[in-house]
Amino acid sequence: MKAWQCIGCGRLEAESTCIGICQDRPVELVYASDYMELETLVRQLAVTSPREGQWEQSYRALQKRARELLAKR
């Protein structure tokens, strides 16, 4: 979801009391559940050590999971 956020007061396209230094910048928002799924995939990539000679199988499995997550969007 694309939105605008003020870098001064933090307002996200909603009524908010401005502290006088507002300057809008575009931001993209995601559902927390989508973020958590991505974080899980990245964590797996960061902490998984494939067995000797099995790096390609591990890589392909993580690649498949990433494609599944993207397909849900």
C-alpha atoms as a PDB file:
ATOM      1  CA  MET A   1       0.000   0.000   0.000  1.00  0.00           C
ATOM      2  CA  LYS A   2       1.470   3.338  -0.939  1.00  0.00           C
ATOM      3  CA  ALA A   3       0.969   6.246   1.396  1.00  0.00           C
ATOM      4  CA  TRP A   4       2.500   9.563   2.394  1.00  0.00           C
ATOM      5  CA  GLN A   5       4.242  10.036   5.713  1.00  0.00           C
ATOM      6  CA  CYS A   6       5.424  13.265   7.270  1.00  0.00           C
ATOM      7  CA  ILE A   7       9.095  13.078   8.238  1.00  0.00           C
ATOM      8  CA  GLY A   8       8.446  15.570  11.022  1.00  0.00           C
ATOM      9  CA  CYS A   9       5.349  14.440  12.925  1.00  0.00           C
ATOM     10  CA  GLY A  10       4.941  10.916  11.492  1.00  0.00           C
ATOM     11  CA  ARG A  11       1.387  11.519  10.215  1.00  0.00           C
ATOM     12  CA  LEU A  12       0.240   8.905   7.662  1.00  0.00           C
ATOM     13  CA  GLU A  13      -2.416  10.513   5.450  1.00  0.00           C
ATOM     14  CA  ALA A  14      -4.582  11.217   8.474  1.00  0.00           C
ATOM     15  CA  GLU A  15      -5.503  14.137  10.650  1.00  0.00           C
ATOM     16  CA  SER A  16      -2.765  14.741  13.174  1.00  0.00           C
ATOM     17  CA  THR A  17      -1.430  17.637  15.129  1.00  0.00           C
ATOM     18  CA  CYS A  18       1.534  19.008  13.224  1.00  0.00           C
ATOM     19  CA  ILE A  19       4.582  20.102  15.169  1.00  0.00           C
ATOM     20  CA  GLY A  20       5.438  22.615  12.454  1.00  0.00           C
ATOM     21  CA  ILE A  21       8.136  20.807  10.498  1.00  0.00           C
ATOM     22  CA  CYS A  22       6.015  18.637   8.214  1.00  0.00           C
ATOM     23  CA  GLN A  23       7.457  17.523   4.907  1.00  0.00           C
ATOM     24  CA  ASP A  24       5.671  14.632   3.183  1.00  0.00           C
ATOM     25  CA  ARG A  25       7.599  11.748   1.644  1.00  0.00           C
ATOM     26  CA  PRO A  26       6.157   8.702  -0.142  1.00  0.00           C
ATOM     27  CA  VAL A  27       6.262   5.452   1.861  1.00  0.00           C
ATOM     28  CA  GLU A  28       5.109   1.911   1.169  1.00  0.00           C
ATOM     29  CA  LEU A  29       3.239   0.033   3.868  1.00  0.00           C
ATOM     30  CA  VAL A  30       2.914  -3.733   4.173  1.00  0.00           C
ATOM     31  CA  TYR A  31       0.776  -5.968   6.338  1.00  0.00           C
ATOM     32  CA  ALA A  32       2.612  -7.191   9.426  1.00  0.00           C
ATOM     33  CA  SER A  33       1.894 -10.814   8.459  1.00  0.00           C
ATOM     34  CA  ASP A  34       3.618 -10.292   5.083  1.00  0.00           C
ATOM     35  CA  TYR A  35       6.606  -8.753   6.823  1.00  0.00           C
ATOM     36  CA  MET A  36       6.824 -11.663   9.265  1.00  0.00           C
ATOM     37  CA  GLU A  37       6.807 -14.214   6.419  1.00  0.00           C
ATOM     38  CA  LEU A  38       9.606 -12.348   4.676  1.00  0.00           C
ATOM     39  CA  GLU A  39      11.557 -12.028   7.910  1.00  0.00           C
ATOM     40  CA  THR A  40      11.237 -15.782   8.465  1.00  0.00           C
ATOM     41  CA  LEU A  41      12.604 -16.505   4.986  1.00  0.00           C
ATOM     42  CA  VAL A  42      15.523 -14.107   5.431  1.00  0.00           C
ATOM     43  CA  ARG A  43      16.278 -15.558   8.877  1.00  0.00           C
ATOM     44  CA  GLN A  44      16.355 -19.072   7.379  1.00  0.00           C
ATOM     45  CA  LEU A  45      18.747 -17.884   4.701  1.00  0.00           C
ATOM     46  CA  ALA A  46      20.987 -16.201   7.273  1.00  0.00           C
ATOM     47  CA  VAL A  47      21.257 -19.076   9.759  1.00  0.00           C
ATOM     48  CA  THR A  48      21.044 -22.177   7.558  1.00  0.00           C
ATOM     49  CA  SER A  49      24.273 -23.958   6.718  1.00  0.00           C
ATOM     50  CA  PRO A  50      23.792 -26.643   4.092  1.00  0.00           C
ATOM     51  CA  ARG A  51      25.540 -29.963   4.462  1.00  0.00           C
ATOM     52  CA  GLU A  52      28.698 -30.519   2.479  1.00  0.00           C
ATOM     53  CA  GLY A  53      27.827 -30.671  -1.208  1.00  0.00           C
ATOM     54  CA  GLN A  54      24.150 -29.802  -0.593  1.00  0.00           C
ATOM     55  CA  TRP A  55      24.234 -26.019  -1.022  1.00  0.00           C
ATOM     56  CA  GLU A  56      22.321 -26.119  -4.300  1.00  0.00           C
ATOM     57  CA  GLN A  57      19.477 -28.184  -2.838  1.00  0.00           C
ATOM     58  CA  SER A  58      19.185 -25.730   0.083  1.00  0.00           C
ATOM     59  CA  TYR A  59      19.307 -22.766  -2.262  1.00  0.00           C
ATOM     60  CA  ARG A  60      16.584 -24.232  -4.482  1.00  0.00           C
ATOM     61  CA  ALA A  61      14.352 -24.912  -1.454  1.00  0.00           C
ATOM     62  CA  LEU A  62      14.693 -21.310  -0.239  1.00  0.00           C
ATOM     63  CA  GLN A  63      14.129 -20.061  -3.780  1.00  0.00           C
ATOM     64  CA  LYS A  64      10.936 -22.122  -4.023  1.00  0.00           C
ATOM     65  CA  ARG A  65       9.681 -20.701  -0.716  1.00  0.00           C
ATOM     66  CA  ALA A  66      10.409 -17.145  -1.902  1.00  0.00           C
ATOM     67  CA  ARG A  67       8.448 -17.770  -5.115  1.00  0.00           C
ATOM     68  CA  GLU A  68       5.508 -19.095  -3.077  1.00  0.00           C
ATOM     69  CA  LEU A  69       5.505 -15.947  -0.955  1.00  0.00           C
ATOM     70  CA  LEU A  70       5.613 -13.737  -4.044  1.00  0.00           C
ATOM     71  CA  ALA A  71       2.775 -15.684  -5.684  1.00  0.00           C
ATOM     72  CA  LYS A  72       0.519 -14.894  -2.723  1.00  0.00           C
ATOM     73  CA  ARG A  73       0.703 -11.174  -3.505  1.00  0.00           C
END
